[in-house]
Amino acid sequence: MTKAEDLDKVKAICEECFECDLAKTRANIVFSDGNPEAKIVIIGEAPGANEDATGKPFVGRAGKLLDELFASQNLTRENDIYICNTVKCRPPDNRVPTDLEKAKCACFLAKQLEILKPEIIVLCGATALKSFFGDKVKISDVRGSWFGHVSGAKVMPVFHPSYLLRNPSLTEGSPKWLMLEDIKEIKKLHDSLL
């Protein structure tokens, strides 16, 4: 059985999940997008309105920016990246998911990582970082560094692209400039694994 087939089985179970209140207001679960054979897995926070409508993660303005930033290093969802979130249903008004909501969805994310066996995990934003490393770690302290391991993969936290939309400057030292530098480091490791 292929990774894609295994992931489809997990997705089917996820579609039937009503373990938390997010299931009551979702239009779709937002399971994943990208290449299941990729070495890079990007994990975000939670779906927004565009993601809830389409059933795919990171498809709004922030997602388009994320795609552009990775494409600047010739990394694409189609070939090099698998992308998902800590929770699979949209929190109302795009609020941060609660610890309970993350806990109820944790089994799906764990199963995705077990099937994918990524070599690189990119934690996109503070919520994704806290989901794995707790509240004591601040993204401003660890972003851009190889920070621990999850499921056997090296982990790099990066800024969430929605933060970059609010801080669009590309001057040296700006959040967007730092993100591009982080992606260059991810690309270096990725290429060394080929």
N, C-alpha and C. Protein backbone atom coordinates (compact mmCIF):
# COMPACT_ATOMS: atom_id res chain seq x y z
N MET A 1 0.83 -1.18 0.00
CA MET A 1 0.00 0.00 0.00
C MET A 1 0.88 1.25 0.00
N THR A 2 0.49 2.26 -0.75
CA THR A 2 1.28 3.50 -0.85
C THR A 2 0.98 4.43 0.34
N LYS A 3 1.85 5.40 0.53
CA LYS A 3 1.61 6.41 1.56
C LYS A 3 0.28 7.13 1.30
N ALA A 4 0.02 7.46 0.05
CA ALA A 4 -1.21 8.17 -0.30
C ALA A 4 -2.44 7.35 0.08
N GLU A 5 -2.40 6.06 -0.16
CA GLU A 5 -3.53 5.19 0.18
C GLU A 5 -3.71 5.11 1.70
N ASP A 6 -2.59 5.00 2.43
CA ASP A 6 -2.67 4.97 3.89
C ASP A 6 -3.23 6.29 4.44
N LEU A 7 -2.79 7.39 3.86
CA LEU A 7 -3.28 8.70 4.29
C LEU A 7 -4.76 8.87 3.98
N ASP A 8 -5.21 8.32 2.85
CA ASP A 8 -6.63 8.40 2.51
C ASP A 8 -7.49 7.68 3.55
N LYS A 9 -6.98 6.59 4.09
CA LYS A 9 -7.71 5.86 5.14
C LYS A 9 -7.84 6.70 6.40
N VAL A 10 -6.75 7.37 6.77
CA VAL A 10 -6.78 8.24 7.95
C VAL A 10 -7.72 9.42 7.70
N LYS A 11 -7.67 9.98 6.50
CA LYS A 11 -8.55 11.10 6.16
C LYS A 11 -10.01 10.69 6.27
N ALA A 12 -10.34 9.49 5.81
CA ALA A 12 -11.73 9.02 5.88
C ALA A 12 -12.20 8.93 7.33
N ILE A 13 -11.34 8.50 8.23
CA ILE A 13 -11.69 8.45 9.66
C ILE A 13 -11.85 9.87 10.20
N CYS A 14 -10.96 10.76 9.80
CA CYS A 14 -11.01 12.16 10.22
C CYS A 14 -12.32 12.82 9.79
N GLU A 15 -12.78 12.49 8.60
CA GLU A 15 -14.02 13.08 8.09
C GLU A 15 -15.23 12.70 8.94
N GLU A 16 -15.12 11.60 9.66
CA GLU A 16 -16.22 11.14 10.53
C GLU A 16 -16.05 11.59 11.98
N CYS A 17 -15.03 12.39 12.26
CA CYS A 17 -14.72 12.79 13.64
C CYS A 17 -15.64 13.92 14.10
N PHE A 18 -16.23 13.72 15.29
CA PHE A 18 -17.03 14.75 15.95
C PHE A 18 -16.63 14.85 17.42
N GLU A 19 -15.33 14.70 17.69
CA GLU A 19 -14.81 14.66 19.06
C GLU A 19 -14.78 16.02 19.74
N CYS A 20 -14.83 17.11 18.96
CA CYS A 20 -14.86 18.44 19.58
C CYS A 20 -15.87 19.31 18.83
N ASP A 21 -16.13 20.48 19.38
CA ASP A 21 -17.16 21.36 18.83
C ASP A 21 -16.83 21.94 17.46
N LEU A 22 -15.56 21.88 17.06
CA LEU A 22 -15.19 22.42 15.74
C LEU A 22 -15.92 21.67 14.62
N ALA A 23 -16.23 20.41 14.85
CA ALA A 23 -16.92 19.61 13.83
C ALA A 23 -18.30 20.16 13.51
N LYS A 24 -18.91 20.83 14.47
CA LYS A 24 -20.27 21.35 14.29
C LYS A 24 -20.35 22.50 13.30
N THR A 25 -19.25 23.22 13.14
CA THR A 25 -19.29 24.43 12.30
C THR A 25 -18.45 24.31 11.03
N ARG A 26 -17.78 23.18 10.83
CA ARG A 26 -16.92 23.06 9.66
C ARG A 26 -17.74 22.84 8.39
N ALA A 27 -17.21 23.33 7.28
CA ALA A 27 -17.75 22.97 5.96
C ALA A 27 -17.03 21.70 5.49
N ASN A 28 -15.73 21.66 5.72
CA ASN A 28 -14.89 20.52 5.33
C ASN A 28 -13.81 20.31 6.38
N ILE A 29 -13.34 19.07 6.51
CA ILE A 29 -12.09 18.90 7.22
C ILE A 29 -11.00 19.36 6.27
N VAL A 30 -9.90 19.81 6.83
CA VAL A 30 -8.76 20.27 6.02
C VAL A 30 -7.61 19.36 6.40
N PHE A 31 -7.45 18.29 5.62
CA PHE A 31 -6.52 17.24 6.00
C PHE A 31 -5.10 17.52 5.56
N SER A 32 -4.91 17.81 4.27
CA SER A 32 -3.55 18.02 3.78
C SER A 32 -3.55 18.44 2.32
N ASP A 33 -2.36 18.74 1.85
CA ASP A 33 -2.12 19.00 0.43
C ASP A 33 -0.64 18.71 0.18
N GLY A 34 -0.30 18.48 -1.05
CA GLY A 34 1.10 18.28 -1.40
C GLY A 34 1.44 16.83 -1.69
N ASN A 35 2.73 16.57 -1.68
CA ASN A 35 3.28 15.28 -2.09
C ASN A 35 3.57 14.40 -0.87
N PRO A 36 2.87 13.27 -0.72
CA PRO A 36 3.12 12.38 0.43
C PRO A 36 4.53 11.77 0.43
N GLU A 37 5.21 11.83 -0.69
CA GLU A 37 6.58 11.29 -0.77
C GLU A 37 7.63 12.35 -0.47
N ALA A 38 7.20 13.56 -0.16
CA ALA A 38 8.14 14.67 0.08
C ALA A 38 8.95 14.45 1.35
N LYS A 39 10.13 15.03 1.37
CA LYS A 39 10.99 14.99 2.56
C LYS A 39 10.60 16.07 3.57
N ILE A 40 9.88 17.11 3.10
CA ILE A 40 9.50 18.25 3.94
C ILE A 40 8.02 18.18 4.27
N VAL A 41 7.69 18.30 5.56
CA VAL A 41 6.31 18.46 5.99
C VAL A 41 6.20 19.82 6.69
N ILE A 42 5.27 20.63 6.23
CA ILE A 42 4.98 21.91 6.88
C ILE A 42 3.72 21.71 7.71
N ILE A 43 3.80 22.11 8.98
CA ILE A 43 2.65 22.00 9.87
C ILE A 43 2.25 23.39 10.32
N GLY A 44 1.01 23.77 10.00
CA GLY A 44 0.48 25.06 10.41
C GLY A 44 -0.43 24.93 11.62
N GLU A 45 -1.17 25.97 11.86
CA GLU A 45 -2.01 26.08 13.06
C GLU A 45 -3.37 25.42 12.87
N ALA A 46 -4.20 26.04 12.04
CA ALA A 46 -5.58 25.59 11.84
C ALA A 46 -6.11 26.19 10.55
N PRO A 47 -7.13 25.58 9.98
CA PRO A 47 -7.71 26.13 8.75
C PRO A 47 -8.38 27.48 8.99
N GLY A 48 -8.35 28.32 7.96
CA GLY A 48 -9.12 29.56 7.94
C GLY A 48 -10.33 29.37 7.04
N ALA A 49 -10.99 30.47 6.70
CA ALA A 49 -12.22 30.42 5.91
C ALA A 49 -11.99 29.81 4.53
N ASN A 50 -10.93 30.23 3.83
CA ASN A 50 -10.66 29.69 2.49
C ASN A 50 -10.35 28.20 2.55
N GLU A 51 -9.63 27.80 3.58
CA GLU A 51 -9.27 26.39 3.73
C GLU A 51 -10.51 25.56 4.05
N ASP A 52 -11.38 26.07 4.92
CA ASP A 52 -12.61 25.38 5.27
C ASP A 52 -13.50 25.19 4.04
N ALA A 53 -13.51 26.20 3.17
CA ALA A 53 -14.34 26.13 1.96
C ALA A 53 -13.79 25.12 0.94
N THR A 54 -12.46 25.04 0.83
CA THR A 54 -11.85 24.19 -0.20
C THR A 54 -11.43 22.81 0.30
N GLY A 55 -11.23 22.68 1.62
CA GLY A 55 -10.72 21.43 2.16
C GLY A 55 -9.22 21.26 2.02
N LYS A 56 -8.52 22.34 1.66
CA LYS A 56 -7.06 22.29 1.51
C LYS A 56 -6.39 23.33 2.40
N PRO A 57 -5.23 22.99 2.99
CA PRO A 57 -4.55 23.94 3.87
C PRO A 57 -3.78 25.02 3.09
N PHE A 58 -3.68 26.17 3.71
CA PHE A 58 -2.86 27.27 3.19
C PHE A 58 -3.20 27.61 1.73
N VAL A 59 -4.48 27.96 1.49
CA VAL A 59 -4.88 28.36 0.14
C VAL A 59 -5.30 29.82 0.04
N GLY A 60 -5.37 30.51 1.17
CA GLY A 60 -5.70 31.94 1.15
C GLY A 60 -4.46 32.77 0.86
N ARG A 61 -4.53 34.05 1.23
CA ARG A 61 -3.40 34.96 0.97
C ARG A 61 -2.12 34.48 1.65
N ALA A 62 -2.23 34.03 2.88
CA ALA A 62 -1.05 33.55 3.61
C ALA A 62 -0.46 32.32 2.92
N GLY A 63 -1.32 31.44 2.47
CA GLY A 63 -0.85 30.23 1.77
C GLY A 63 -0.17 30.55 0.46
N LYS A 64 -0.72 31.52 -0.26
CA LYS A 64 -0.09 31.91 -1.53
C LYS A 64 1.29 32.50 -1.29
N LEU A 65 1.40 33.29 -0.22
CA LEU A 65 2.71 33.85 0.12
C LEU A 65 3.68 32.73 0.52
N LEU A 66 3.20 31.78 1.30
CA LEU A 66 4.04 30.65 1.69
C LEU A 66 4.55 29.90 0.45
N ASP A 67 3.65 29.64 -0.49
CA ASP A 67 4.04 28.96 -1.73
C ASP A 67 5.09 29.77 -2.49
N GLU A 68 4.90 31.09 -2.58
CA GLU A 68 5.86 31.95 -3.28
C GLU A 68 7.23 31.91 -2.62
N LEU A 69 7.25 31.97 -1.30
CA LEU A 69 8.52 31.97 -0.57
C LEU A 69 9.27 30.65 -0.80
N PHE A 70 8.58 29.53 -0.71
CA PHE A 70 9.24 28.25 -0.96
C PHE A 70 9.62 28.10 -2.43
N ALA A 71 8.77 28.60 -3.33
CA ALA A 71 9.08 28.52 -4.77
C ALA A 71 10.34 29.32 -5.11
N SER A 72 10.64 30.35 -4.31
CA SER A 72 11.86 31.13 -4.56
C SER A 72 13.11 30.25 -4.41
N GLN A 73 12.97 29.12 -3.73
CA GLN A 73 14.07 28.15 -3.58
C GLN A 73 13.76 26.85 -4.34
N ASN A 74 12.87 26.95 -5.31
CA ASN A 74 12.49 25.81 -6.16
C ASN A 74 11.93 24.63 -5.35
N LEU A 75 11.14 24.95 -4.33
CA LEU A 75 10.44 23.93 -3.55
C LEU A 75 8.94 24.15 -3.73
N THR A 76 8.23 23.12 -4.15
CA THR A 76 6.80 23.25 -4.43
C THR A 76 6.01 22.15 -3.71
N ARG A 77 4.72 22.43 -3.52
CA ARG A 77 3.82 21.42 -2.93
C ARG A 77 3.74 20.18 -3.81
N GLU A 78 3.71 20.40 -5.08
CA GLU A 78 3.54 19.27 -6.00
C GLU A 78 4.68 18.27 -5.90
N ASN A 79 5.89 18.76 -5.66
CA ASN A 79 7.06 17.89 -5.69
C ASN A 79 7.74 17.69 -4.34
N ASP A 80 7.86 18.74 -3.54
CA ASP A 80 8.80 18.73 -2.42
C ASP A 80 8.20 18.87 -1.03
N ILE A 81 6.90 19.19 -0.95
CA ILE A 81 6.31 19.56 0.33
C ILE A 81 4.97 18.84 0.53
N TYR A 82 4.74 18.41 1.77
CA TYR A 82 3.43 17.94 2.22
C TYR A 82 3.03 18.93 3.31
N ILE A 83 1.80 19.39 3.30
CA ILE A 83 1.39 20.45 4.22
C ILE A 83 0.10 20.09 4.94
N CYS A 84 0.07 20.35 6.24
CA CYS A 84 -1.11 20.04 7.05
C CYS A 84 -1.15 21.00 8.25
N ASN A 85 -2.12 20.81 9.13
CA ASN A 85 -2.28 21.67 10.30
C ASN A 85 -2.38 20.84 11.58
N THR A 86 -2.23 21.53 12.71
CA THR A 86 -2.37 20.84 14.00
C THR A 86 -3.80 20.40 14.23
N VAL A 87 -4.78 21.18 13.78
CA VAL A 87 -6.19 20.77 13.83
C VAL A 87 -6.75 20.77 12.42
N LYS A 88 -7.76 19.95 12.21
CA LYS A 88 -8.26 19.72 10.85
C LYS A 88 -9.56 20.47 10.54
N CYS A 89 -10.12 21.17 11.53
CA CYS A 89 -11.35 21.94 11.33
C CYS A 89 -11.12 23.39 11.73
N ARG A 90 -11.84 24.28 11.09
CA ARG A 90 -11.65 25.72 11.33
C ARG A 90 -12.23 26.16 12.67
N PRO A 91 -11.42 26.79 13.51
CA PRO A 91 -11.97 27.42 14.71
C PRO A 91 -12.79 28.66 14.32
N PRO A 92 -13.91 28.91 14.99
CA PRO A 92 -14.74 30.08 14.66
C PRO A 92 -13.93 31.38 14.71
N ASP A 93 -14.21 32.25 13.74
CA ASP A 93 -13.54 33.56 13.66
C ASP A 93 -12.03 33.46 13.59
N ASN A 94 -11.53 32.33 13.12
CA ASN A 94 -10.09 32.11 12.95
C ASN A 94 -9.31 32.25 14.25
N ARG A 95 -9.95 31.98 15.39
CA ARG A 95 -9.24 32.04 16.66
C ARG A 95 -8.23 30.91 16.74
N VAL A 96 -7.30 31.02 17.69
CA VAL A 96 -6.30 29.98 17.92
C VAL A 96 -7.01 28.75 18.48
N PRO A 97 -6.68 27.56 18.00
CA PRO A 97 -7.33 26.37 18.55
C PRO A 97 -6.98 26.18 20.03
N THR A 98 -7.94 25.64 20.78
CA THR A 98 -7.71 25.40 22.20
C THR A 98 -6.84 24.15 22.39
N ASP A 99 -6.33 23.99 23.60
CA ASP A 99 -5.54 22.79 23.90
C ASP A 99 -6.39 21.53 23.72
N LEU A 100 -7.67 21.60 24.11
CA LEU A 100 -8.55 20.44 23.95
C LEU A 100 -8.74 20.11 22.48
N GLU A 101 -8.96 21.12 21.64
CA GLU A 101 -9.14 20.89 20.20
C GLU A 101 -7.88 20.28 19.60
N LYS A 102 -6.72 20.80 19.99
CA LYS A 102 -5.46 20.23 19.49
C LYS A 102 -5.29 18.79 19.96
N ALA A 103 -5.66 18.53 21.21
CA ALA A 103 -5.54 17.16 21.75
C ALA A 103 -6.45 16.18 21.01
N LYS A 104 -7.66 16.62 20.68
CA LYS A 104 -8.59 15.73 19.97
C LYS A 104 -8.12 15.43 18.56
N CYS A 105 -7.36 16.35 17.96
CA CYS A 105 -6.86 16.16 16.59
C CYS A 105 -5.46 15.54 16.56
N ALA A 106 -4.81 15.47 17.69
CA ALA A 106 -3.41 15.03 17.73
C ALA A 106 -3.22 13.64 17.13
N CYS A 107 -4.20 12.77 17.28
CA CYS A 107 -4.05 11.41 16.73
C CYS A 107 -3.95 11.43 15.21
N PHE A 108 -4.65 12.35 14.57
CA PHE A 108 -4.60 12.43 13.10
C PHE A 108 -3.25 12.94 12.62
N LEU A 109 -2.74 13.96 13.29
CA LEU A 109 -1.43 14.49 12.92
C LEU A 109 -0.34 13.45 13.20
N ALA A 110 -0.44 12.77 14.33
CA ALA A 110 0.55 11.73 14.65
C ALA A 110 0.54 10.63 13.61
N LYS A 111 -0.64 10.23 13.16
CA LYS A 111 -0.74 9.18 12.14
C LYS A 111 -0.17 9.68 10.81
N GLN A 112 -0.44 10.92 10.46
CA GLN A 112 0.14 11.48 9.23
C GLN A 112 1.66 11.38 9.28
N LEU A 113 2.25 11.82 10.39
CA LEU A 113 3.71 11.81 10.50
C LEU A 113 4.26 10.38 10.50
N GLU A 114 3.54 9.47 11.12
CA GLU A 114 3.96 8.07 11.14
C GLU A 114 4.01 7.50 9.72
N ILE A 115 3.01 7.83 8.92
CA ILE A 115 2.95 7.34 7.53
C ILE A 115 4.00 8.04 6.67
N LEU A 116 4.10 9.36 6.81
CA LEU A 116 4.97 10.16 5.94
C LEU A 116 6.46 9.92 6.18
N LYS A 117 6.83 9.74 7.45
CA LYS A 117 8.25 9.61 7.82
C LYS A 117 9.08 10.74 7.20
N PRO A 118 8.71 12.01 7.47
CA PRO A 118 9.46 13.13 6.88
C PRO A 118 10.86 13.22 7.46
N GLU A 119 11.73 13.86 6.73
CA GLU A 119 13.08 14.11 7.23
C GLU A 119 13.21 15.54 7.76
N ILE A 120 12.31 16.42 7.31
CA ILE A 120 12.30 17.81 7.73
C ILE A 120 10.87 18.19 8.09
N ILE A 121 10.69 18.78 9.28
CA ILE A 121 9.39 19.32 9.66
C ILE A 121 9.56 20.82 9.89
N VAL A 122 8.72 21.60 9.22
CA VAL A 122 8.70 23.05 9.37
C VAL A 122 7.45 23.39 10.18
N LEU A 123 7.65 23.93 11.37
CA LEU A 123 6.53 24.35 12.21
C LEU A 123 6.23 25.81 11.91
N CYS A 124 5.08 26.03 11.32
CA CYS A 124 4.74 27.34 10.78
C CYS A 124 3.92 28.14 11.80
N GLY A 125 4.61 28.99 12.56
CA GLY A 125 3.95 29.85 13.52
C GLY A 125 4.01 29.33 14.94
N ALA A 126 3.64 30.21 15.87
CA ALA A 126 3.76 29.92 17.30
C ALA A 126 2.86 28.79 17.76
N THR A 127 1.65 28.69 17.22
CA THR A 127 0.73 27.64 17.66
C THR A 127 1.26 26.26 17.31
N ALA A 128 1.77 26.10 16.11
CA ALA A 128 2.35 24.81 15.71
C ALA A 128 3.55 24.48 16.59
N LEU A 129 4.39 25.48 16.87
CA LEU A 129 5.55 25.27 17.73
C LEU A 129 5.13 24.81 19.12
N LYS A 130 4.15 25.50 19.71
CA LYS A 130 3.67 25.16 21.05
C LYS A 130 3.02 23.77 21.08
N SER A 131 2.43 23.35 19.98
CA SER A 131 1.80 22.03 19.94
C SER A 131 2.81 20.92 20.16
N PHE A 132 4.05 21.17 19.80
CA PHE A 132 5.09 20.14 19.94
C PHE A 132 6.02 20.40 21.12
N PHE A 133 6.28 21.66 21.43
CA PHE A 133 7.30 21.97 22.42
C PHE A 133 6.80 22.76 23.63
N GLY A 134 5.49 23.01 23.72
CA GLY A 134 4.92 23.65 24.90
C GLY A 134 5.05 25.16 24.90
N ASP A 135 4.51 25.75 25.97
CA ASP A 135 4.42 27.21 26.07
C ASP A 135 5.72 27.90 26.44
N LYS A 136 6.70 27.16 26.91
CA LYS A 136 7.93 27.79 27.38
C LYS A 136 8.84 28.24 26.24
N VAL A 137 8.57 27.75 25.04
CA VAL A 137 9.41 28.07 23.89
C VAL A 137 8.74 29.19 23.09
N LYS A 138 9.50 30.23 22.78
CA LYS A 138 8.97 31.35 21.99
C LYS A 138 9.52 31.26 20.58
N ILE A 139 8.65 31.49 19.61
CA ILE A 139 9.08 31.39 18.22
C ILE A 139 10.17 32.41 17.91
N SER A 140 10.11 33.58 18.53
CA SER A 140 11.15 34.59 18.27
C SER A 140 12.53 34.13 18.74
N ASP A 141 12.57 33.19 19.67
CA ASP A 141 13.85 32.68 20.17
C ASP A 141 14.41 31.53 19.32
N VAL A 142 13.54 30.77 18.67
CA VAL A 142 14.01 29.55 17.99
C VAL A 142 13.77 29.53 16.49
N ARG A 143 13.04 30.50 15.97
CA ARG A 143 12.76 30.46 14.53
C ARG A 143 14.07 30.51 13.74
N GLY A 144 14.08 29.75 12.68
CA GLY A 144 15.26 29.74 11.83
C GLY A 144 16.37 28.84 12.29
N SER A 145 16.17 28.13 13.40
CA SER A 145 17.20 27.21 13.87
C SER A 145 16.65 25.78 13.83
N TRP A 146 17.54 24.84 13.68
CA TRP A 146 17.13 23.44 13.76
C TRP A 146 16.93 23.15 15.23
N PHE A 147 15.69 22.90 15.59
CA PHE A 147 15.28 22.88 16.99
C PHE A 147 14.63 21.54 17.31
N GLY A 148 15.43 20.61 17.78
CA GLY A 148 14.88 19.33 18.20
C GLY A 148 14.48 18.41 17.07
N HIS A 149 13.84 17.32 17.46
CA HIS A 149 13.37 16.31 16.51
C HIS A 149 11.93 15.94 16.84
N VAL A 150 11.16 15.65 15.82
CA VAL A 150 9.80 15.15 15.95
C VAL A 150 9.67 13.99 14.97
N SER A 151 9.23 12.85 15.45
CA SER A 151 9.04 11.67 14.59
C SER A 151 10.29 11.37 13.76
N GLY A 152 11.45 11.59 14.34
CA GLY A 152 12.71 11.31 13.65
C GLY A 152 13.16 12.38 12.68
N ALA A 153 12.38 13.44 12.51
CA ALA A 153 12.71 14.50 11.56
C ALA A 153 13.35 15.68 12.29
N LYS A 154 14.25 16.38 11.59
CA LYS A 154 14.77 17.64 12.11
C LYS A 154 13.68 18.69 11.97
N VAL A 155 13.61 19.58 12.96
CA VAL A 155 12.52 20.56 13.03
C VAL A 155 13.07 21.98 12.95
N MET A 156 12.42 22.79 12.11
CA MET A 156 12.71 24.22 12.09
C MET A 156 11.41 25.00 12.23
N PRO A 157 11.28 25.79 13.31
CA PRO A 157 10.15 26.71 13.40
C PRO A 157 10.40 27.95 12.53
N VAL A 158 9.33 28.43 11.89
CA VAL A 158 9.40 29.64 11.08
C VAL A 158 8.18 30.52 11.40
N PHE A 159 8.26 31.77 10.99
CA PHE A 159 7.11 32.65 11.16
C PHE A 159 5.93 32.14 10.34
N HIS A 160 4.72 32.41 10.83
CA HIS A 160 3.53 32.10 10.05
C HIS A 160 3.41 33.14 8.94
N PRO A 161 3.03 32.73 7.73
CA PRO A 161 2.95 33.71 6.64
C PRO A 161 1.94 34.84 6.89
N SER A 162 0.92 34.61 7.72
CA SER A 162 -0.01 35.72 8.01
C SER A 162 0.70 36.85 8.73
N TYR A 163 1.70 36.51 9.55
CA TYR A 163 2.54 37.53 10.21
C TYR A 163 3.32 38.32 9.17
N LEU A 164 3.80 37.63 8.14
CA LEU A 164 4.57 38.30 7.09
C LEU A 164 3.69 39.22 6.25
N LEU A 165 2.41 38.88 6.10
CA LEU A 165 1.49 39.75 5.37
C LEU A 165 1.33 41.09 6.09
N ARG A 166 1.43 41.05 7.41
CA ARG A 166 1.33 42.29 8.20
C ARG A 166 2.66 43.02 8.27
N ASN A 167 3.74 42.34 7.87
CA ASN A 167 5.10 42.90 7.90
C ASN A 167 5.78 42.62 6.56
N PRO A 168 5.35 43.30 5.49
CA PRO A 168 5.79 42.91 4.15
C PRO A 168 7.18 43.38 3.73
N SER A 169 7.83 44.19 4.53
CA SER A 169 9.14 44.71 4.15
C SER A 169 10.14 43.58 3.91
N LEU A 170 11.01 43.77 2.93
CA LEU A 170 12.07 42.79 2.65
C LEU A 170 13.44 43.32 3.05
N THR A 171 13.48 44.39 3.83
CA THR A 171 14.77 44.92 4.26
C THR A 171 15.48 43.90 5.14
N GLU A 172 16.79 43.93 5.11
CA GLU A 172 17.58 42.98 5.89
C GLU A 172 17.19 43.02 7.37
N GLY A 173 16.93 41.85 7.92
CA GLY A 173 16.52 41.76 9.32
C GLY A 173 15.02 41.78 9.55
N SER A 174 14.24 42.11 8.50
CA SER A 174 12.77 42.13 8.63
C SER A 174 12.26 40.69 8.72
N PRO A 175 11.04 40.48 9.25
CA PRO A 175 10.50 39.12 9.34
C PRO A 175 10.48 38.38 8.00
N LYS A 176 10.11 39.07 6.93
CA LYS A 176 10.04 38.41 5.62
C LYS A 176 11.44 38.04 5.13
N TRP A 177 12.39 38.92 5.34
CA TRP A 177 13.78 38.63 4.97
C TRP A 177 14.28 37.42 5.76
N LEU A 178 13.99 37.39 7.07
CA LEU A 178 14.40 36.26 7.91
C LEU A 178 13.77 34.96 7.42
N MET A 179 12.50 35.02 7.02
CA MET A 179 11.82 33.83 6.51
C MET A 179 12.51 33.31 5.25
N LEU A 180 12.89 34.19 4.36
CA LEU A 180 13.61 33.76 3.16
C LEU A 180 14.94 33.09 3.52
N GLU A 181 15.61 33.64 4.51
CA GLU A 181 16.86 33.03 4.98
C GLU A 181 16.60 31.63 5.57
N ASP A 182 15.51 31.51 6.31
CA ASP A 182 15.14 30.21 6.89
C ASP A 182 14.87 29.18 5.78
N ILE A 183 14.17 29.62 4.76
CA ILE A 183 13.84 28.69 3.66
C ILE A 183 15.10 28.28 2.91
N LYS A 184 16.07 29.16 2.81
CA LYS A 184 17.35 28.79 2.20
C LYS A 184 18.02 27.67 3.00
N GLU A 185 17.95 27.74 4.33
CA GLU A 185 18.52 26.69 5.18
C GLU A 185 17.76 25.38 5.01
N ILE A 186 16.44 25.47 4.90
CA ILE A 186 15.62 24.27 4.68
C ILE A 186 15.99 23.64 3.34
N LYS A 187 16.16 24.47 2.33
CA LYS A 187 16.54 23.99 0.99
C LYS A 187 17.90 23.30 1.03
N LYS A 188 18.85 23.88 1.77
CA LYS A 188 20.18 23.26 1.88
C LYS A 188 20.10 21.85 2.46
N LEU A 189 19.36 21.72 3.56
CA LEU A 189 19.21 20.40 4.16
C LEU A 189 18.47 19.47 3.23
N HIS A 190 17.41 19.95 2.61
CA HIS A 190 16.64 19.14 1.67
C HIS A 190 17.53 18.59 0.57
N ASP A 191 18.33 19.46 -0.03
CA ASP A 191 19.18 19.02 -1.14
C ASP A 191 20.25 18.04 -0.68
N SER A 192 20.71 18.19 0.55
CA SER A 192 21.73 17.27 1.07
C SER A 192 21.16 15.86 1.30
N LEU A 193 19.84 15.76 1.39
CA LEU A 193 19.19 14.47 1.64
C LEU A 193 18.88 13.72 0.35
N LEU A 194 19.01 14.40 -0.79
CA LEU A 194 18.65 13.77 -2.08
C LEU A 194 19.73 12.76 -2.51
